[in-house]
C-alpha cells in the first residue's frame, strides 16, 4: 500500500501549492472588490445584487458564492463534461464552447471527441452492449415495463426483485438480502434503521458521503478513527467503552464500526482481517460498504471478504452497489434474515422509494450468472482475470514512469498524485486534447496538497489502450512536471 507523506513532502512543492493558492485567493478578492467599486461608481446593478421589486429575494443565486464565482468558473470545463453513448472502454465526449468567467455558459458545439475512458466505474466492462446480457435486459423490459411505479412495500415488488435478492444473498454468502434502487440511499437510509440515540458509530475518516449522511441522520453518537488504521480503531473503541455515553456515562446500546472495502479516492483496500479482530475482541458490529470492491476483487469477484480470506459470518452487514462492476443502478444490504426483515419495514428507501427498474435488475442477475459461470460461457472469469491483469500493468507502468501512484496494487481505482492544484486543470485539458478522458479531484474533495487524477481501469480496456494511455500520461506528465519520482522516491512510503 502506497501513501503520500505530507510531513515529508519537499518544501518547494508545499511552497508552490500554498503560495499559488494564496495568490489565487488574493486575486479573486481583488476582482470582487474591483467589480463592486466599478458598479458603485457607475451606479449600475451588480450581477448578484438582490432585486426586491417583486417582494422576493432570489431563491437560489450561485453568484453569491465567492468560491463558485471566482474559482470554480475558471475550471468549470473540467467538470460535468457531457458524453454521448455508452460508457465503455472508449467514450464520446461532447465538446463545449463558452467562457463562464465572462458569463458565457458552456454549451455543446455539436462535435464529438472519441476518447479512451479512464473515468467510469465500468470495472468488468459489462456496460458494453455487445453481449447476451443486453438481449436479456430488453426482453425483461418488454415483459415488466420500464418501472414498477411503486415503492417495494406497496406494489413495487415483482418476482424478478425477489429472485434478485435471493441471487445476491447467495452470491455474497449471506442468509438474506434487500435491494434498493439507489446506491447512495442504500447507505443514507438504512444506517438510521440500524442505530439510534444511545448507540455509537465508529467511522473511518475517509468514508463516503452517503455513509456520513446516514450516520448523522441516525441520531447515534459518532466517533472517527484514522483512515484504515486498526490500531487507532482499537484505541477509539476501548476509550469509548471505558467512557460510556456523554454526561451519563451509561454503557452504549451497541457499537457499529463502519468501513469501506475499497476507498474510492485513495485506491486503498480495507485491512479487513485486522478490523475483524478488533470487532470480535470488543463485541462490536461491523458494517462494510462494498460499493467498489464487490465484483472487482476476489478470485470469483465476491469482494473484500473473499480477497481477505475471512469468514463472511464475521461481517454483520454487507452493503454494496450495482453501479460499478454490475453496470446497473441501485444497491443491496446482505445480513441475517431478521435484520433484513427489519429493514424492509423501517428503511426509508424500502418504504418510500420506488423499486428498482426491472431492466436494471435483470442486468445484475445476468452479470452474476456470468461471474458464477452459470451462463456456461466462462466470460465472467475471463473479465475478472482481465481486470486484475490490466490493473497491475497500468499501475506498474505509471510507477516505472515516475508518477506518484497511491493505493493498493490490486485496486481498480488508481489515484495519480498531481499535488499542485494548478497542474490539475492543465493535465485534464491536455489529456482531453490527446483523446484521453480522465477524472480529477482536488480541494475541497481532498486536502489542498493532495490533488489527484483518479483512474478507473476496466476489463474492457485492451493492452494497446493502456499502452497508449501510458504514452499520453508520460507526455503530458513531462509538460506539467508531474513525474515527481522520476529520479528519486521522496514523497511516498509503502506499508
Foldseek 3Di string as FASTA:
>chain_A
DKDFDPVQPDPVLVCLQVVVVVVQVVVLVVVVVVQVVVCVVVVHDDPQDFDCPVPDGDPDDCCVPSCCQRPCQVQVVLPPFDWDDWQAQKTWTFAWDFRVNVPTDTDGPPDTFIFGEFAALQALRLSDCPDCLVVLLVVQCVVCNFFLPFFQVPRQDDPLQVVLFVLVCVLLVFDTKHWFQAQLLVQQQCLLLVAADLAEEEEEPLDDPSNVNNVVVNHYHYHYFYHLDLVRVLVVLVVCQCQADPPVSDHGPAYEYEEEQARQQFQAGHPVVSNLVSCVVNVHAYAYEDAQFQQADAQLRSGNCRRNVHDSLSHAKYKYFCVHNLVARIIMIGHHPVSVVSCCPRGCRNHPNTHHTSSRSSSNVVLSCQSVCVVVPVSSSLSNVLSQVLLQVLQVLLVQLQWRWGYDSRGQKIKTFQQRVVLQSQLQVQSVVVRHHWRWDAPPSDPSRGTTIITGDHSSDDPVNSVVVSVSCSVSCVVSVRSNPNPHDRGMDDD
